[in-house]
Amino acid sequence: MIENITEKYIRQEVLPTPFCPGCGHGILMNIILRAIDELSLDWKKTVFVSGIGCAAWIPSPHFKADTLHTTHGRAVAFATGVKLFNPKLNVIVISGDGDLASIGGNHLIHAARRDINIPVICANNNIYGMTGGQCASTTPLGCKTATTPEGSSEPPFDLAKLVIGAGSGYVARATVMQPLVLKKYIKNALIRSCIEGRGHARPYKGMGGFSFIDALSPCFTQFGRRNKSSSRVDMMKNLKSDTVRAKTPEELFSTPAHLKDKIVVGEYIK
């Protein structure tokens, strides 16, 4: 099955991937392609848009499809232009938290506000990975980065709640260490934004809209080593053990005391 997915969707000349050992982006790439394959999404009518950063390499140059590798922070803006020009295309954004939420935060919230038929998959590793390990808008309080060697003093964005506040109709969060759960959420996002919204640049009642997936992915090279993760394997194990799937909306939105040290994941709104 893995071989079939690789041969069907990935350019063989760019393998192996450039992702660091312990990076979750390769897992995320696999999950995205499996979701697309299971939905039988029309590959020839699909355009992938990414910005700059480690996660932007997931579709470009790996995917055997039309890809648009844009300037830093502008992936959602370019994707909006593609969708408006040809509403019949499946336009999918895959990029990182630094690209989408820090440099490109303004584009992200306005695409959600306009409810454009675009699914956005954010590979969130809480830091700028490729460009040097700088503090991002998602870096947790107290965590060390290249630009905050004593620890970040600024509260991070909760990206799920941010896009909900902006108007997104489907929002979910999961980690790459929960591949089946994350695949389910990605499929739901694709169904809403690409299949239900097919043929429309902007949604009409019952026809798609904007979707957002916050896919938490470990970065040992830039984040783990600075924040005392003992090894790549331990960082991935900890991400799995620290994750709790919400059983109620209250657990997602209010984070009760017994979950305050956990990563709460689930479907926020659908």
C-alpha atoms as a PDB file:
ATOM      1  CA  MET A   1       0.000   0.000   0.000  1.00  0.00           C
ATOM      2  CA  ILE A   2       2.811   2.427   0.904  1.00  0.00           C
ATOM      3  CA  GLU A   3       4.600   1.600  -2.336  1.00  0.00           C
ATOM      4  CA  ASN A   4       1.419   2.211  -4.340  1.00  0.00           C
ATOM      5  CA  ILE A   5       0.842   5.600  -2.695  1.00  0.00           C
ATOM      6  CA  THR A   6       4.477   6.580  -3.283  1.00  0.00           C
ATOM      7  CA  GLU A   7       4.501   5.557  -6.935  1.00  0.00           C
ATOM      8  CA  LYS A   8       1.091   7.055  -7.656  1.00  0.00           C
ATOM      9  CA  TYR A   9       1.500  10.480  -6.075  1.00  0.00           C
ATOM     10  CA  ILE A  10       5.181  11.254  -5.373  1.00  0.00           C
ATOM     11  CA  ARG A  11       7.915  12.266  -7.805  1.00  0.00           C
ATOM     12  CA  GLN A  12      10.525   9.540  -7.483  1.00  0.00           C
ATOM     13  CA  GLU A  13      13.401  11.810  -8.516  1.00  0.00           C
ATOM     14  CA  VAL A  14      13.059  13.938  -5.351  1.00  0.00           C
ATOM     15  CA  LEU A  15      13.259  11.000  -2.910  1.00  0.00           C
ATOM     16  CA  PRO A  16      14.394  10.672  -0.184  1.00  0.00           C
ATOM     17  CA  THR A  17      12.619  13.611   1.389  1.00  0.00           C
ATOM     18  CA  PRO A  18      14.660  16.510   2.867  1.00  0.00           C
ATOM     19  CA  PHE A  19      12.975  16.265   6.273  1.00  0.00           C
ATOM     20  CA  CYS A  20      15.222  15.895   9.314  1.00  0.00           C
ATOM     21  CA  PRO A  21      15.218  12.668  11.363  1.00  0.00           C
ATOM     22  CA  GLY A  22      12.437  12.991  13.929  1.00  0.00           C
ATOM     23  CA  CYS A  23      10.418  15.454  11.849  1.00  0.00           C
ATOM     24  CA  GLY A  24       6.722  14.663  11.546  1.00  0.00           C
ATOM     25  CA  HIS A  25       6.210  16.266   8.151  1.00  0.00           C
ATOM     26  CA  GLY A  26       6.909  13.058   6.234  1.00  0.00           C
ATOM     27  CA  ILE A  27       4.194  11.328   8.254  1.00  0.00           C
ATOM     28  CA  LEU A  28       1.826  14.197   7.486  1.00  0.00           C
ATOM     29  CA  MET A  29       2.606  13.945   3.762  1.00  0.00           C
ATOM     30  CA  ASN A  30       1.698  10.246   3.861  1.00  0.00           C
ATOM     31  CA  ILE A  31      -1.555  10.949   5.744  1.00  0.00           C
ATOM     32  CA  ILE A  32      -2.619  13.675   3.296  1.00  0.00           C
ATOM     33  CA  LEU A  33      -2.035  11.444   0.273  1.00  0.00           C
ATOM     34  CA  ARG A  34      -3.940   8.549   1.846  1.00  0.00           C
ATOM     35  CA  ALA A  35      -6.886  10.861   2.588  1.00  0.00           C
ATOM     36  CA  ILE A  36      -6.894  12.093  -1.012  1.00  0.00           C
ATOM     37  CA  ASP A  37      -6.634   8.552  -2.365  1.00  0.00           C
ATOM     38  CA  GLU A  38      -9.489   7.234  -0.210  1.00  0.00           C
ATOM     39  CA  LEU A  39     -11.739  10.081  -1.371  1.00  0.00           C
ATOM     40  CA  SER A  40     -10.725   9.545  -5.016  1.00  0.00           C
ATOM     41  CA  LEU A  41     -10.203  13.298  -5.313  1.00  0.00           C
ATOM     42  CA  ASP A  42      -9.543  14.257  -8.934  1.00  0.00           C
ATOM     43  CA  TRP A  43      -5.755  14.588  -8.931  1.00  0.00           C
ATOM     44  CA  LYS A  44      -5.678  16.298 -12.331  1.00  0.00           C
ATOM     45  CA  LYS A  45      -7.998  19.042 -11.097  1.00  0.00           C
ATOM     46  CA  THR A  46      -6.137  19.632  -7.833  1.00  0.00           C
ATOM     47  CA  VAL A  47      -3.696  22.451  -7.132  1.00  0.00           C
ATOM     48  CA  PHE A  48      -1.499  22.495  -4.017  1.00  0.00           C
ATOM     49  CA  VAL A  49      -0.291  25.840  -2.699  1.00  0.00           C
ATOM     50  CA  SER A  50       2.452  26.332  -0.124  1.00  0.00           C
ATOM     51  CA  GLY A  51       4.644  29.140   1.157  1.00  0.00           C
ATOM     52  CA  ILE A  52       8.199  28.989   2.482  1.00  0.00           C
ATOM     53  CA  GLY A  53       9.451  26.592   5.129  1.00  0.00           C
ATOM     54  CA  CYS A  54       9.879  22.901   5.914  1.00  0.00           C
ATOM     55  CA  ALA A  55       6.166  22.133   5.553  1.00  0.00           C
ATOM     56  CA  ALA A  56       5.981  23.883   2.193  1.00  0.00           C
ATOM     57  CA  TRP A  57       8.158  21.076   0.827  1.00  0.00           C
ATOM     58  CA  ILE A  58       5.381  18.560   1.451  1.00  0.00           C
ATOM     59  CA  PRO A  59       3.581  19.313  -1.826  1.00  0.00           C
ATOM     60  CA  SER A  60       6.396  21.032  -3.665  1.00  0.00           C
ATOM     61  CA  PRO A  61       8.452  19.390  -5.105  1.00  0.00           C
ATOM     62  CA  HIS A  62       7.149  16.010  -3.927  1.00  0.00           C
ATOM     63  CA  PHE A  63       3.633  15.758  -5.395  1.00  0.00           C
ATOM     64  CA  LYS A  64       3.000  14.702  -8.992  1.00  0.00           C
ATOM     65  CA  ALA A  65       0.465  17.490  -9.348  1.00  0.00           C
ATOM     66  CA  ASP A  66       0.166  21.193 -10.075  1.00  0.00           C
ATOM     67  CA  THR A  67       1.894  22.994  -7.211  1.00  0.00           C
ATOM     68  CA  LEU A  68       2.389  26.659  -6.457  1.00  0.00           C
ATOM     69  CA  HIS A  69       5.355  27.388  -4.187  1.00  0.00           C
ATOM     70  CA  THR A  70       4.791  31.010  -3.202  1.00  0.00           C
ATOM     71  CA  THR A  71       6.562  33.756  -1.290  1.00  0.00           C
ATOM     72  CA  HIS A  72       6.744  33.556   2.510  1.00  0.00           C
ATOM     73  CA  GLY A  73       3.352  33.988   4.171  1.00  0.00           C
ATOM     74  CA  ARG A  74       1.359  34.346   0.965  1.00  0.00           C
ATOM     75  CA  ALA A  75       0.121  30.793   0.378  1.00  0.00           C
ATOM     76  CA  VAL A  76      -3.504  31.512   1.316  1.00  0.00           C
ATOM     77  CA  ALA A  77      -3.555  34.700  -0.771  1.00  0.00           C
ATOM     78  CA  PHE A  78      -2.267  32.884  -3.858  1.00  0.00           C
ATOM     79  CA  ALA A  79      -4.690  30.009  -3.245  1.00  0.00           C
ATOM     80  CA  THR A  80      -7.581  32.449  -3.044  1.00  0.00           C
ATOM     81  CA  GLY A  81      -6.565  33.877  -6.419  1.00  0.00           C
ATOM     82  CA  VAL A  82      -6.395  30.418  -8.003  1.00  0.00           C
ATOM     83  CA  LYS A  83      -9.810  29.472  -6.614  1.00  0.00           C
ATOM     84  CA  LEU A  84     -11.453  32.690  -7.784  1.00  0.00           C
ATOM     85  CA  PHE A  85      -9.938  32.333 -11.261  1.00  0.00           C
ATOM     86  CA  ASN A  86     -11.065  28.705 -11.663  1.00  0.00           C
ATOM     87  CA  PRO A  87     -13.644  27.625  -9.053  1.00  0.00           C
ATOM     88  CA  LYS A  88     -13.744  24.080 -10.474  1.00  0.00           C
ATOM     89  CA  LEU A  89     -10.240  23.325  -9.192  1.00  0.00           C
ATOM     90  CA  ASN A  90      -9.576  21.659  -5.848  1.00  0.00           C
ATOM     91  CA  VAL A  91      -7.245  24.185  -4.250  1.00  0.00           C
ATOM     92  CA  ILE A  92      -5.451  22.857  -1.146  1.00  0.00           C
ATOM     93  CA  VAL A  93      -3.030  24.814   1.042  1.00  0.00           C
ATOM     94  CA  ILE A  94      -0.293  22.938   2.934  1.00  0.00           C
ATOM     95  CA  SER A  95       2.236  25.005   4.864  1.00  0.00           C
ATOM     96  CA  GLY A  96       3.719  25.663   8.301  1.00  0.00           C
ATOM     97  CA  ASP A  97       2.647  27.699  11.315  1.00  0.00           C
ATOM     98  CA  GLY A  98       5.327  30.333  10.774  1.00  0.00           C
ATOM     99  CA  ASP A  99       4.253  30.776   7.168  1.00  0.00           C
ATOM    100  CA  LEU A 100       0.473  30.606   7.649  1.00  0.00           C
ATOM    101  CA  ALA A 101      -0.078  32.163  11.069  1.00  0.00           C
ATOM    102  CA  SER A 102       2.885  34.462  11.677  1.00  0.00           C
ATOM    103  CA  ILE A 103       3.893  36.047   8.385  1.00  0.00           C
ATOM    104  CA  GLY A 104       0.629  35.088   6.674  1.00  0.00           C
ATOM    105  CA  GLY A 105      -1.774  35.496   9.580  1.00  0.00           C
ATOM    106  CA  ASN A 106      -3.736  38.284   7.949  1.00  0.00           C
ATOM    107  CA  HIS A 107      -4.435  36.195   4.840  1.00  0.00           C
ATOM    108  CA  LEU A 108      -5.467  33.222   7.004  1.00  0.00           C
ATOM    109  CA  ILE A 109      -8.098  35.068   9.029  1.00  0.00           C
ATOM    110  CA  HIS A 110      -9.593  36.815   6.010  1.00  0.00           C
ATOM    111  CA  ALA A 111      -9.894  33.585   4.016  1.00  0.00           C
ATOM    112  CA  ALA A 112     -11.736  32.123   7.006  1.00  0.00           C
ATOM    113  CA  ARG A 113     -13.890  35.262   7.251  1.00  0.00           C
ATOM    114  CA  ARG A 114     -14.819  35.037   3.574  1.00  0.00           C
ATOM    115  CA  ASP A 115     -15.465  31.279   3.911  1.00  0.00           C
ATOM    116  CA  ILE A 116     -13.562  30.554   0.702  1.00  0.00           C
ATOM    117  CA  ASN A 117     -13.788  26.909  -0.452  1.00  0.00           C
ATOM    118  CA  ILE A 118     -10.196  26.117   0.489  1.00  0.00           C
ATOM    119  CA  PRO A 119      -8.892  23.560   2.994  1.00  0.00           C
ATOM    120  CA  VAL A 120      -5.791  24.753   4.841  1.00  0.00           C
ATOM    121  CA  ILE A 121      -3.557  22.138   6.464  1.00  0.00           C
ATOM    122  CA  CYS A 122      -1.104  23.703   8.904  1.00  0.00           C
ATOM    123  CA  ALA A 123       1.933  21.597   9.821  1.00  0.00           C
ATOM    124  CA  ASN A 124       2.385  23.157  13.237  1.00  0.00           C
ATOM    125  CA  ASN A 125       5.748  22.564  14.926  1.00  0.00           C
ATOM    126  CA  ASN A 126       5.638  25.668  17.163  1.00  0.00           C
ATOM    127  CA  ILE A 127       8.701  27.269  15.590  1.00  0.00           C
ATOM    128  CA  TYR A 128      10.289  28.540  12.372  1.00  0.00           C
ATOM    129  CA  GLY A 129      12.079  25.399  11.236  1.00  0.00           C
ATOM    130  CA  MET A 130      13.810  25.973   7.906  1.00  0.00           C
ATOM    131  CA  THR A 131      14.733  29.638   8.423  1.00  0.00           C
ATOM    132  CA  GLY A 132      16.689  29.271  11.652  1.00  0.00           C
ATOM    133  CA  GLY A 133      14.548  28.306  14.620  1.00  0.00           C
ATOM    134  CA  GLN A 134      13.086  31.704  15.420  1.00  0.00           C
ATOM    135  CA  CYS A 135      10.138  32.228  17.775  1.00  0.00           C
ATOM    136  CA  ALA A 136       6.780  31.879  16.026  1.00  0.00           C
ATOM    137  CA  SER A 137       3.296  33.074  16.927  1.00  0.00           C
ATOM    138  CA  THR A 138       2.611  29.494  18.065  1.00  0.00           C
ATOM    139  CA  THR A 139       5.673  29.031  20.301  1.00  0.00           C
ATOM    140  CA  PRO A 140       4.509  28.134  23.834  1.00  0.00           C
ATOM    141  CA  LEU A 141       5.310  30.448  26.731  1.00  0.00           C
ATOM    142  CA  GLY A 142       8.755  29.865  28.171  1.00  0.00           C
ATOM    143  CA  CYS A 143      10.060  27.805  25.257  1.00  0.00           C
ATOM    144  CA  LYS A 144      13.504  28.601  23.922  1.00  0.00           C
ATOM    145  CA  THR A 145      14.135  29.533  20.306  1.00  0.00           C
ATOM    146  CA  ALA A 146      16.923  31.202  18.341  1.00  0.00           C
ATOM    147  CA  THR A 147      15.370  34.612  19.047  1.00  0.00           C
ATOM    148  CA  THR A 148      14.180  33.857  22.598  1.00  0.00           C
ATOM    149  CA  PRO A 149      17.169  32.088  24.228  1.00  0.00           C
ATOM    150  CA  GLU A 150      15.733  32.765  27.686  1.00  0.00           C
ATOM    151  CA  GLY A 151      12.281  31.542  26.712  1.00  0.00           C
ATOM    152  CA  SER A 152       9.335  33.112  24.907  1.00  0.00           C
ATOM    153  CA  SER A 153       7.508  35.753  26.942  1.00  0.00           C
ATOM    154  CA  GLU A 154       4.602  36.149  24.524  1.00  0.00           C
ATOM    155  CA  PRO A 155       1.396  34.079  24.683  1.00  0.00           C
ATOM    156  CA  PRO A 156       0.942  31.882  21.593  1.00  0.00           C
ATOM    157  CA  PHE A 157      -1.983  31.827  19.202  1.00  0.00           C
ATOM    158  CA  ASP A 158      -4.391  28.938  19.523  1.00  0.00           C
ATOM    159  CA  LEU A 159      -4.822  28.528  15.773  1.00  0.00           C
ATOM    160  CA  ALA A 160      -8.013  26.488  16.031  1.00  0.00           C
ATOM    161  CA  LYS A 161      -9.753  29.156  18.097  1.00  0.00           C
ATOM    162  CA  LEU A 162      -8.305  31.928  15.920  1.00  0.00           C
ATOM    163  CA  VAL A 163      -9.861  30.648  12.696  1.00  0.00           C
ATOM    164  CA  ILE A 164     -13.116  29.786  14.454  1.00  0.00           C
ATOM    165  CA  GLY A 165     -13.325  33.392  15.605  1.00  0.00           C
ATOM    166  CA  ALA A 166     -12.659  34.499  12.031  1.00  0.00           C
ATOM    167  CA  GLY A 167     -15.545  32.408  10.712  1.00  0.00           C
ATOM    168  CA  SER A 168     -14.261  28.997   9.597  1.00  0.00           C
ATOM    169  CA  GLY A 169     -16.982  26.345   9.406  1.00  0.00           C
ATOM    170  CA  TYR A 170     -14.735  23.307   9.935  1.00  0.00           C
ATOM    171  CA  VAL A 171     -11.787  23.247  12.339  1.00  0.00           C
ATOM    172  CA  ALA A 172      -9.950  20.250  13.778  1.00  0.00           C
ATOM    173  CA  ARG A 173      -6.671  19.527  15.550  1.00  0.00           C
ATOM    174  CA  ALA A 174      -4.670  16.304  15.809  1.00  0.00           C
ATOM    175  CA  THR A 175      -1.042  15.235  15.933  1.00  0.00           C
ATOM    176  CA  VAL A 176       0.896  13.224  13.373  1.00  0.00           C
ATOM    177  CA  MET A 177       1.226  10.567  16.083  1.00  0.00           C
ATOM    178  CA  GLN A 178      -2.515   9.893  15.628  1.00  0.00           C
ATOM    179  CA  PRO A 179      -2.422   9.114  11.898  1.00  0.00           C
ATOM    180  CA  LEU A 180      -5.889   7.556  11.583  1.00  0.00           C
ATOM    181  CA  VAL A 181      -7.578  10.356  13.535  1.00  0.00           C
ATOM    182  CA  LEU A 182      -5.714  13.026  11.584  1.00  0.00           C
ATOM    183  CA  LYS A 183      -6.577  11.323   8.291  1.00  0.00           C
ATOM    184  CA  LYS A 184     -10.263  11.350   9.241  1.00  0.00           C
ATOM    185  CA  TYR A 185     -10.131  15.090   9.967  1.00  0.00           C
ATOM    186  CA  ILE A 186      -8.289  15.849   6.723  1.00  0.00           C
ATOM    187  CA  LYS A 187     -10.884  13.847   4.785  1.00  0.00           C
ATOM    188  CA  ASN A 188     -13.667  15.848   6.450  1.00  0.00           C
ATOM    189  CA  ALA A 189     -11.922  19.096   5.486  1.00  0.00           C
ATOM    190  CA  LEU A 190     -11.519  17.938   1.878  1.00  0.00           C
ATOM    191  CA  ILE A 191     -15.148  16.838   1.694  1.00  0.00           C
ATOM    192  CA  ARG A 192     -16.362  20.218   2.939  1.00  0.00           C
ATOM    193  CA  SER A 193     -14.072  22.500   0.942  1.00  0.00           C
ATOM    194  CA  CYS A 194     -13.457  20.495  -2.248  1.00  0.00           C
ATOM    195  CA  ILE A 195     -16.315  18.043  -2.739  1.00  0.00           C
ATOM    196  CA  GLU A 196     -19.326  19.804  -1.203  1.00  0.00           C
ATOM    197  CA  GLY A 197     -18.085  23.156  -2.495  1.00  0.00           C
ATOM    198  CA  ARG A 198     -17.244  21.859  -5.981  1.00  0.00           C
ATOM    199  CA  GLY A 199     -17.671  24.393  -8.747  1.00  0.00           C
ATOM    200  CA  HIS A 200     -17.954  27.454  -6.513  1.00  0.00           C
ATOM    201  CA  ALA A 201     -15.294  29.996  -5.581  1.00  0.00           C
ATOM    202  CA  ARG A 202     -17.408  31.147  -2.662  1.00  0.00           C
ATOM    203  CA  PRO A 203     -19.842  28.957  -0.728  1.00  0.00           C
ATOM    204  CA  TYR A 204     -23.586  28.952  -0.944  1.00  0.00           C
ATOM    205  CA  LYS A 205     -25.921  27.427   1.606  1.00  0.00           C
ATOM    206  CA  GLY A 206     -24.986  23.778   2.067  1.00  0.00           C
ATOM    207  CA  MET A 207     -22.079  23.994  -0.372  1.00  0.00           C
ATOM    208  CA  GLY A 208     -18.747  23.818   1.347  1.00  0.00           C
ATOM    209  CA  GLY A 209     -16.636  26.615   2.774  1.00  0.00           C
ATOM    210  CA  PHE A 210     -13.292  27.190   4.481  1.00  0.00           C
ATOM    211  CA  SER A 211     -11.687  24.359   6.491  1.00  0.00           C
ATOM    212  CA  PHE A 212      -8.657  24.352   8.773  1.00  0.00           C
ATOM    213  CA  ILE A 213      -6.561  21.482  10.124  1.00  0.00           C
ATOM    214  CA  ASP A 214      -4.034  22.169  12.891  1.00  0.00           C
ATOM    215  CA  ALA A 215      -1.660  19.215  12.439  1.00  0.00           C
ATOM    216  CA  LEU A 216       0.870  19.136  15.280  1.00  0.00           C
ATOM    217  CA  SER A 217       4.233  17.867  14.078  1.00  0.00           C
ATOM    218  CA  PRO A 218       7.464  17.479  16.109  1.00  0.00           C
ATOM    219  CA  CYS A 219      10.643  19.407  15.210  1.00  0.00           C
ATOM    220  CA  PHE A 220      13.639  18.029  17.068  1.00  0.00           C
ATOM    221  CA  THR A 221      16.289  19.929  15.114  1.00  0.00           C
ATOM    222  CA  GLN A 222      15.126  23.451  15.982  1.00  0.00           C
ATOM    223  CA  PHE A 223      12.648  23.011  18.855  1.00  0.00           C
ATOM    224  CA  GLY A 224      13.533  19.773  20.610  1.00  0.00           C
ATOM    225  CA  ARG A 225      17.249  20.339  21.108  1.00  0.00           C
ATOM    226  CA  ARG A 226      16.709  23.840  22.509  1.00  0.00           C
ATOM    227  CA  ASN A 227      14.013  22.644  24.909  1.00  0.00           C
ATOM    228  CA  LYS A 228      15.798  19.635  26.411  1.00  0.00           C
ATOM    229  CA  SER A 229      14.126  16.826  24.529  1.00  0.00           C
ATOM    230  CA  SER A 230      16.396  13.853  25.175  1.00  0.00           C
ATOM    231  CA  SER A 231      16.032  12.326  21.696  1.00  0.00           C
ATOM    232  CA  ARG A 232      13.990  12.374  18.515  1.00  0.00           C
ATOM    233  CA  VAL A 233      12.226   9.178  19.503  1.00  0.00           C
ATOM    234  CA  ASP A 234      11.373  10.468  22.985  1.00  0.00           C
ATOM    235  CA  MET A 235       9.994  13.696  21.526  1.00  0.00           C
ATOM    236  CA  MET A 236       7.646  11.728  19.295  1.00  0.00           C
ATOM    237  CA  LYS A 237       6.658   9.395  22.137  1.00  0.00           C
ATOM    238  CA  ASN A 238       5.952  12.366  24.410  1.00  0.00           C
ATOM    239  CA  LEU A 239       3.797  14.009  21.750  1.00  0.00           C
ATOM    240  CA  LYS A 240       1.743  10.830  21.614  1.00  0.00           C
ATOM    241  CA  SER A 241       1.477  10.310  25.379  1.00  0.00           C
ATOM    242  CA  ASP A 242       0.673  13.969  26.091  1.00  0.00           C
ATOM    243  CA  THR A 243      -2.240  13.998  23.638  1.00  0.00           C
ATOM    244  CA  VAL A 244      -5.832  13.543  24.772  1.00  0.00           C
ATOM    245  CA  ARG A 245      -8.802  13.373  22.434  1.00  0.00           C
ATOM    246  CA  ALA A 246     -11.614  15.595  23.688  1.00  0.00           C
ATOM    247  CA  LYS A 247     -14.832  13.857  24.682  1.00  0.00           C
ATOM    248  CA  THR A 248     -16.888  17.036  25.057  1.00  0.00           C
ATOM    249  CA  PRO A 249     -16.853  20.544  23.525  1.00  0.00           C
ATOM    250  CA  GLU A 250     -15.988  21.901  26.984  1.00  0.00           C
ATOM    251  CA  GLU A 251     -12.724  19.954  26.963  1.00  0.00           C
ATOM    252  CA  LEU A 252     -11.767  21.584  23.673  1.00  0.00           C
ATOM    253  CA  PHE A 253     -12.720  25.143  24.441  1.00  0.00           C
ATOM    254  CA  SER A 254     -12.185  25.573  28.177  1.00  0.00           C
ATOM    255  CA  THR A 255      -9.455  22.982  28.953  1.00  0.00           C
ATOM    256  CA  PRO A 256     -10.446  21.771  32.433  1.00  0.00           C
ATOM    257  CA  ALA A 257      -7.832  21.521  35.186  1.00  0.00           C
ATOM    258  CA  HIS A 258      -7.199  17.801  34.748  1.00  0.00           C
ATOM    259  CA  LEU A 259      -6.159  18.423  31.123  1.00  0.00           C
ATOM    260  CA  LYS A 260      -4.078  21.570  31.594  1.00  0.00           C
ATOM    261  CA  ASP A 261      -0.785  19.751  30.934  1.00  0.00           C
ATOM    262  CA  LYS A 262      -2.178  17.796  27.978  1.00  0.00           C
ATOM    263  CA  ILE A 263      -2.545  18.523  24.270  1.00  0.00           C
ATOM    264  CA  VAL A 264      -6.293  18.385  23.680  1.00  0.00           C
ATOM    265  CA  VAL A 265      -7.280  17.430  20.147  1.00  0.00           C
ATOM    266  CA  GLY A 266     -10.533  16.908  18.296  1.00  0.00           C
ATOM    267  CA  GLU A 267     -13.024  18.502  15.932  1.00  0.00           C
ATOM    268  CA  TYR A 268     -13.748  22.015  17.189  1.00  0.00           C
ATOM    269  CA  ILE A 269     -16.488  22.901  14.768  1.00  0.00           C
ATOM    270  CA  LYS A 270     -18.116  21.118  11.845  1.00  0.00           C
END
